[in-house]
Amino acid sequence: FYGSVFLANSNSIYKNIGESSDTICFMRSLAKPIQASILFDYDITKYLEDDEIAIFSGSHAGSLRHIEVLENVLNKFSLNCDYLSIEPSKPLDLRNFDGIETKLHNNCSAKHTMMAIICRYLDFNYNYTDSNHPLQILIKEKQKELSGYDSDILTFDGCSTPLWGLPFKNIIKAYFNLFHDKKYNRLIYAIMNNPDIYGGYNRLDSDIIKMSGNKLFSKVGAGGLVLVYNFEKDEILLIKLAQDNNDVRKLILLDILNKIDWLKNDVEEFIYNQKKKIVAKYYYSFTI
């Protein structure tokens, strides 16, 4: 497995391996908290509960509680699933799945729900997956504001929403600005106090928040992406694997968090056991 690792404080990336920090990357679901921050430019947040803000920022597992939160917020704004430009899918959490795939089971459905309710609130049309839609223009400007980078490199995520590429260093800058601006305190508070709504069952970012005792924030993205923010050190760890494998991403992340002394409680035995299982099939070599 190949990839890049960046360790940064608010001044600079002070340790990295792999790609240059100037390399352009598409954030995939790593963009969701950045996209959700647009809520705080409007007074729509007074109509939202913290668990709703948390789920908008994450990639949920499609558990029963996730579906309940999304149905409630759609009803609150007189909307339903027909307004969501997303395909039905199986949930990531299959424990209580009845076999009937719905749009809300999709792990990007919360982002689409957020976009639909913003369109309702701002009186936009619901063709929000168009890169020229007024909502996407606002999101693009928000990304520019937080990252300090004006990107015209466009693609579309697997769930059909636009994504504009950023250099790794500007992804890190966007997150530092998100955490340092008091305007977004409620967004961070909502995520950290609702980790099971934010992601949930067997979701790596939720597990990192809980394993750290709320000392670490985390967000995952497809394509081997994961970002961790350390509240005590005010530092960010960003990992991007060239291959997309959730088991290996988890192993590498926990191994590095252990090595840099960000997360040690009860993880060393887990890492050891996972290495015995995974290295039989995969080989990876990371040093930091």
Protein backbone atom coordinates (compact mmCIF):
# COMPACT_ATOMS: atom_id res chain seq x y z
CA PHE A 1 0.00 0.00 0.00
CA TYR A 2 1.24 3.42 -0.96
CA GLY A 3 0.17 6.80 0.29
CA SER A 4 1.00 10.17 1.74
CA VAL A 5 1.05 11.37 5.34
CA PHE A 6 1.10 15.01 6.47
CA LEU A 7 1.55 16.22 10.04
CA ALA A 8 0.90 19.93 10.52
CA ASN A 9 0.50 22.67 13.06
CA SER A 10 -1.28 25.93 12.26
CA ASN A 11 1.94 27.41 10.89
CA SER A 12 3.10 24.69 8.50
CA ILE A 13 3.33 21.04 7.54
CA TYR A 14 6.35 20.04 9.58
CA LYS A 15 6.57 16.36 8.68
CA ASN A 16 5.40 14.42 5.64
CA ILE A 17 6.07 11.46 3.39
CA GLY A 18 4.76 10.69 -0.06
CA GLU A 19 3.24 13.30 -2.37
CA SER A 20 4.12 16.98 -2.27
CA SER A 21 1.80 19.14 -0.18
CA ASP A 22 1.09 21.06 -3.42
CA THR A 23 -0.46 18.00 -5.07
CA ILE A 24 -4.14 18.48 -5.92
CA CYS A 25 -6.57 16.12 -4.21
CA PHE A 26 -10.36 15.79 -4.26
CA MET A 27 -11.62 15.69 -0.67
CA ARG A 28 -14.52 13.31 -1.29
CA SER A 29 -16.44 13.02 2.00
CA LEU A 30 -13.68 14.93 3.76
CA ALA A 31 -15.46 17.96 2.26
CA LYS A 32 -18.68 17.40 4.25
CA PRO A 33 -17.83 19.46 7.37
CA ILE A 34 -16.57 22.24 5.06
CA GLN A 35 -19.81 22.08 3.08
CA ALA A 36 -21.89 22.00 6.28
CA SER A 37 -20.18 25.16 7.54
CA ILE A 38 -22.25 27.14 5.04
CA LEU A 39 -25.23 26.67 7.39
CA PHE A 40 -23.65 29.22 9.72
CA ASP A 41 -23.83 31.97 7.12
CA TYR A 42 -27.61 31.99 7.59
CA ASP A 43 -30.02 31.89 10.51
CA ILE A 44 -31.28 28.49 9.36
CA THR A 45 -29.26 27.02 12.24
CA LYS A 46 -31.87 28.26 14.74
CA TYR A 47 -34.23 25.66 13.27
CA LEU A 48 -31.70 22.82 13.53
CA GLU A 49 -30.84 20.50 16.42
CA ASP A 50 -27.23 19.55 17.15
CA ASP A 51 -27.76 15.94 16.03
CA GLU A 52 -29.03 17.23 12.67
CA ILE A 53 -25.96 19.44 12.22
CA ALA A 54 -23.75 16.48 13.16
CA ILE A 55 -25.30 14.10 10.65
CA PHE A 56 -25.07 16.73 7.88
CA SER A 57 -21.30 16.83 8.49
CA GLY A 58 -20.66 13.10 8.33
CA SER A 59 -21.00 9.87 6.38
CA HIS A 60 -23.52 7.92 8.41
CA ALA A 61 -23.93 4.14 8.56
CA GLY A 62 -27.64 4.13 7.70
CA SER A 63 -28.69 2.79 11.10
CA LEU A 64 -32.27 3.16 12.31
CA ARG A 65 -31.42 6.26 14.34
CA HIS A 66 -29.84 7.93 11.30
CA ILE A 67 -32.96 7.36 9.22
CA GLU A 68 -35.12 8.75 12.02
CA VAL A 69 -33.06 11.97 12.28
CA LEU A 70 -33.15 12.53 8.51
CA GLU A 71 -36.89 11.84 8.21
CA ASN A 72 -37.59 14.29 11.03
CA VAL A 73 -35.54 17.11 9.53
CA LEU A 74 -37.07 16.59 6.07
CA ASN A 75 -40.54 16.77 7.61
CA LYS A 76 -39.56 19.92 9.50
CA PHE A 77 -38.87 21.67 6.18
CA SER A 78 -41.86 20.10 4.37
CA LEU A 79 -39.63 17.96 2.16
CA ASN A 80 -39.30 14.25 1.40
CA CYS A 81 -36.88 11.89 -0.31
CA ASP A 82 -38.13 12.87 -3.76
CA TYR A 83 -36.17 16.10 -3.40
CA LEU A 84 -32.87 14.24 -2.90
CA SER A 85 -30.70 13.71 -6.01
CA ILE A 86 -29.20 10.47 -4.79
CA GLU A 87 -29.63 6.78 -5.51
CA PRO A 88 -31.09 4.26 -3.04
CA SER A 89 -28.52 1.92 -1.53
CA LYS A 90 -27.95 -0.60 1.21
CA PRO A 91 -26.92 0.88 4.55
CA LEU A 92 -23.39 0.35 5.80
CA ASP A 93 -24.95 -0.96 9.03
CA LEU A 94 -26.80 -4.12 8.03
CA ARG A 95 -27.80 -5.21 11.55
CA ASN A 96 -31.46 -4.17 11.25
CA PHE A 97 -31.70 -3.84 7.48
CA ASP A 98 -34.97 -5.21 6.08
CA GLY A 99 -33.64 -5.58 2.54
CA ILE A 100 -35.47 -2.56 1.13
CA GLU A 101 -32.95 -0.01 -0.14
CA THR A 102 -33.86 3.66 0.23
CA LYS A 103 -32.22 7.00 -0.51
CA LEU A 104 -31.82 7.69 3.20
CA HIS A 105 -29.73 4.52 3.64
CA ASN A 106 -27.09 6.03 1.35
CA ASN A 107 -24.18 7.26 3.46
CA CYS A 108 -24.22 10.61 1.64
CA SER A 109 -27.95 11.17 2.14
CA ALA A 110 -27.42 13.58 5.05
CA LYS A 111 -25.35 15.90 2.84
CA HIS A 112 -28.11 15.79 0.21
CA THR A 113 -30.74 16.44 2.88
CA MET A 114 -28.78 19.48 4.04
CA MET A 115 -28.50 20.78 0.48
CA ALA A 116 -32.23 20.29 -0.10
CA ILE A 117 -33.24 22.15 3.07
CA ILE A 118 -30.88 25.02 2.24
CA CYS A 119 -32.52 25.21 -1.20
CA ARG A 120 -35.91 25.34 0.52
CA TYR A 121 -34.75 28.01 2.96
CA LEU A 122 -33.06 30.23 0.33
CA ASP A 123 -35.73 29.61 -2.29
CA PHE A 124 -33.37 27.93 -4.76
CA ASN A 125 -34.46 25.27 -7.22
CA TYR A 126 -33.62 21.67 -6.27
CA ASN A 127 -31.19 20.94 -9.09
CA TYR A 128 -28.41 21.33 -6.53
CA THR A 129 -26.00 18.83 -8.10
CA ASP A 130 -25.35 21.25 -10.98
CA SER A 131 -21.95 22.88 -10.44
CA ASN A 132 -23.47 26.22 -11.52
CA HIS A 133 -26.34 25.98 -9.05
CA PRO A 134 -26.38 28.97 -6.64
CA LEU A 135 -25.89 26.65 -3.66
CA GLN A 136 -22.78 25.06 -5.20
CA ILE A 137 -21.41 28.52 -6.00
CA LEU A 138 -21.84 29.42 -2.32
CA ILE A 139 -20.12 26.18 -1.27
CA LYS A 140 -17.26 26.82 -3.69
CA GLU A 141 -16.82 30.31 -2.22
CA LYS A 142 -16.89 28.87 1.29
CA GLN A 143 -14.16 26.39 0.35
CA LYS A 144 -12.10 29.26 -1.09
CA GLU A 145 -12.66 31.34 2.06
CA LEU A 146 -11.51 28.55 4.40
CA SER A 147 -8.73 27.07 2.27
CA GLY A 148 -7.28 30.22 0.75
CA TYR A 149 -7.30 28.53 -2.66
CA ASP A 150 -9.52 29.41 -5.62
CA SER A 151 -9.98 26.11 -7.44
CA ASP A 152 -11.43 25.59 -10.90
CA ILE A 153 -10.55 21.89 -10.99
CA LEU A 154 -13.96 20.24 -10.95
CA THR A 155 -15.15 16.67 -10.60
CA PHE A 156 -18.26 15.02 -9.14
CA ASP A 157 -18.35 12.81 -6.10
CA GLY A 158 -19.74 9.28 -6.24
CA CYS A 159 -23.07 10.66 -4.98
CA SER A 160 -23.19 13.22 -7.84
CA THR A 161 -22.36 16.45 -5.98
CA PRO A 162 -19.61 18.78 -7.29
CA LEU A 163 -16.11 18.73 -5.81
CA TRP A 164 -13.33 21.23 -6.45
CA GLY A 165 -9.77 19.98 -6.06
CA LEU A 166 -7.41 21.39 -3.44
CA PRO A 167 -3.70 20.95 -2.72
CA PHE A 168 -3.14 18.88 0.41
CA LYS A 169 -1.76 21.92 2.24
CA ASN A 170 -4.96 23.87 1.54
CA ILE A 171 -7.18 21.02 2.76
CA ILE A 172 -5.25 21.25 6.02
CA LYS A 173 -5.56 25.05 6.04
CA ALA A 174 -9.33 24.82 5.52
CA TYR A 175 -9.68 22.58 8.55
CA PHE A 176 -7.48 24.76 10.73
CA ASN A 177 -9.64 27.76 9.82
CA LEU A 178 -12.77 25.74 10.56
CA PHE A 179 -11.49 24.87 14.04
CA HIS A 180 -10.07 28.31 14.81
CA ASP A 181 -13.12 30.40 13.85
CA LYS A 182 -15.64 30.77 16.70
CA LYS A 183 -18.37 31.07 14.07
CA TYR A 184 -18.18 27.29 13.62
CA ASN A 185 -17.95 26.31 17.29
CA ARG A 186 -21.44 24.85 17.27
CA LEU A 187 -20.63 22.72 14.21
CA ILE A 188 -17.63 21.19 15.99
CA TYR A 189 -19.54 20.86 19.26
CA ALA A 190 -22.41 19.08 17.47
CA ILE A 191 -20.06 16.52 15.89
CA MET A 192 -18.01 15.85 19.00
CA ASN A 193 -21.10 15.37 21.16
CA ASN A 194 -22.95 13.19 18.63
CA PRO A 195 -20.28 10.85 17.22
CA ASP A 196 -22.75 8.00 16.67
CA ILE A 197 -25.06 10.27 14.68
CA TYR A 198 -22.12 11.78 12.78
CA GLY A 199 -20.95 8.37 11.56
CA GLY A 200 -22.02 5.52 13.77
CA TYR A 201 -21.59 1.78 13.72
CA ASN A 202 -18.16 0.66 12.48
CA ARG A 203 -17.30 4.13 11.16
CA LEU A 204 -13.64 4.96 11.69
CA ASP A 205 -14.10 8.67 12.36
CA SER A 206 -16.72 8.04 15.06
CA ASP A 207 -14.48 5.40 16.63
CA ILE A 208 -11.51 7.78 16.78
CA ILE A 209 -13.58 10.47 18.51
CA LYS A 210 -14.83 7.99 21.12
CA MET A 211 -11.53 6.13 21.60
CA SER A 212 -9.76 9.43 22.27
CA GLY A 213 -12.29 10.60 24.83
CA ASN A 214 -13.24 13.52 22.54
CA LYS A 215 -9.61 14.73 22.35
CA LEU A 216 -9.44 13.97 18.63
CA PHE A 217 -11.76 14.93 15.77
CA SER A 218 -11.72 12.77 12.67
CA LYS A 219 -13.30 12.62 9.22
CA VAL A 220 -12.89 9.91 6.59
CA GLY A 221 -13.30 10.12 2.84
CA ALA A 222 -13.43 7.60 0.04
CA GLY A 223 -10.19 6.88 -1.77
CA GLY A 224 -8.14 6.22 1.36
CA LEU A 225 -8.58 9.63 2.99
CA VAL A 226 -8.69 10.35 6.72
CA LEU A 227 -8.02 13.54 8.68
CA VAL A 228 -7.53 13.85 12.44
CA TYR A 229 -7.42 17.09 14.47
CA ASN A 230 -5.81 17.06 17.90
CA PHE A 231 -7.51 19.65 20.14
CA GLU A 232 -4.76 19.68 22.77
CA LYS A 233 -1.85 20.04 20.35
CA ASP A 234 -3.74 22.09 17.73
CA GLU A 235 -2.30 19.83 15.04
CA ILE A 236 -3.68 17.95 12.05
CA LEU A 237 -2.77 14.54 10.66
CA LEU A 238 -3.87 13.89 7.07
CA ILE A 239 -3.49 10.53 5.34
CA LYS A 240 -4.24 9.75 1.69
CA LEU A 241 -3.75 6.20 0.45
CA ALA A 242 -3.36 5.46 -3.24
CA GLN A 243 -5.55 2.38 -2.81
CA ASP A 244 -9.01 2.34 -1.24
CA ASN A 245 -9.13 -0.27 1.53
CA ASN A 246 -10.88 0.57 4.80
CA ASP A 247 -9.17 -2.17 6.84
CA VAL A 248 -5.69 -1.06 5.84
CA ARG A 249 -6.58 2.62 6.27
CA LYS A 250 -7.72 1.91 9.83
CA LEU A 251 -4.61 -0.08 10.64
CA ILE A 252 -2.28 2.58 9.24
CA LEU A 253 -4.13 5.40 11.00
CA LEU A 254 -4.10 3.71 14.40
CA ASP A 255 -0.48 2.69 13.96
CA ILE A 256 0.56 6.28 13.19
CA LEU A 257 -1.62 7.76 15.96
CA ASN A 258 0.10 5.35 18.33
CA LYS A 259 3.60 6.27 17.07
CA ILE A 260 3.04 10.03 17.40
CA ASP A 261 1.49 9.55 20.85
CA TRP A 262 -1.96 10.87 19.97
CA LEU A 263 -3.84 7.70 20.81
CA LYS A 264 -2.44 4.88 22.90
CA ASN A 265 -5.20 3.69 25.23
CA ASP A 266 -6.13 0.12 24.35
CA VAL A 267 -4.97 0.37 20.73
CA GLU A 268 -1.57 -1.35 20.84
CA GLU A 269 -3.06 -4.84 21.23
CA PHE A 270 -5.62 -4.06 18.52
CA ILE A 271 -2.86 -2.94 16.14
CA TYR A 272 -0.84 -6.06 16.88
CA ASN A 273 -3.79 -8.37 16.24
CA GLN A 274 -4.81 -6.54 13.07
CA LYS A 275 -1.28 -6.70 11.70
CA LYS A 276 -1.31 -10.47 12.14
CA LYS A 277 -4.58 -10.66 10.16
CA ILE A 278 -3.98 -8.04 7.48
CA VAL A 279 -0.30 -8.41 6.71
CA ALA A 280 -1.01 -11.97 5.62
CA LYS A 281 -2.78 -10.39 2.64
CA TYR A 282 -1.36 -6.87 2.44
CA TYR A 283 1.98 -5.22 2.90
CA TYR A 284 2.44 -1.65 3.95
CA SER A 285 5.42 0.38 5.08
CA PHE A 286 5.00 3.78 6.69
CA THR A 287 7.42 5.61 8.94
CA ILE A 288 6.85 8.99 10.50
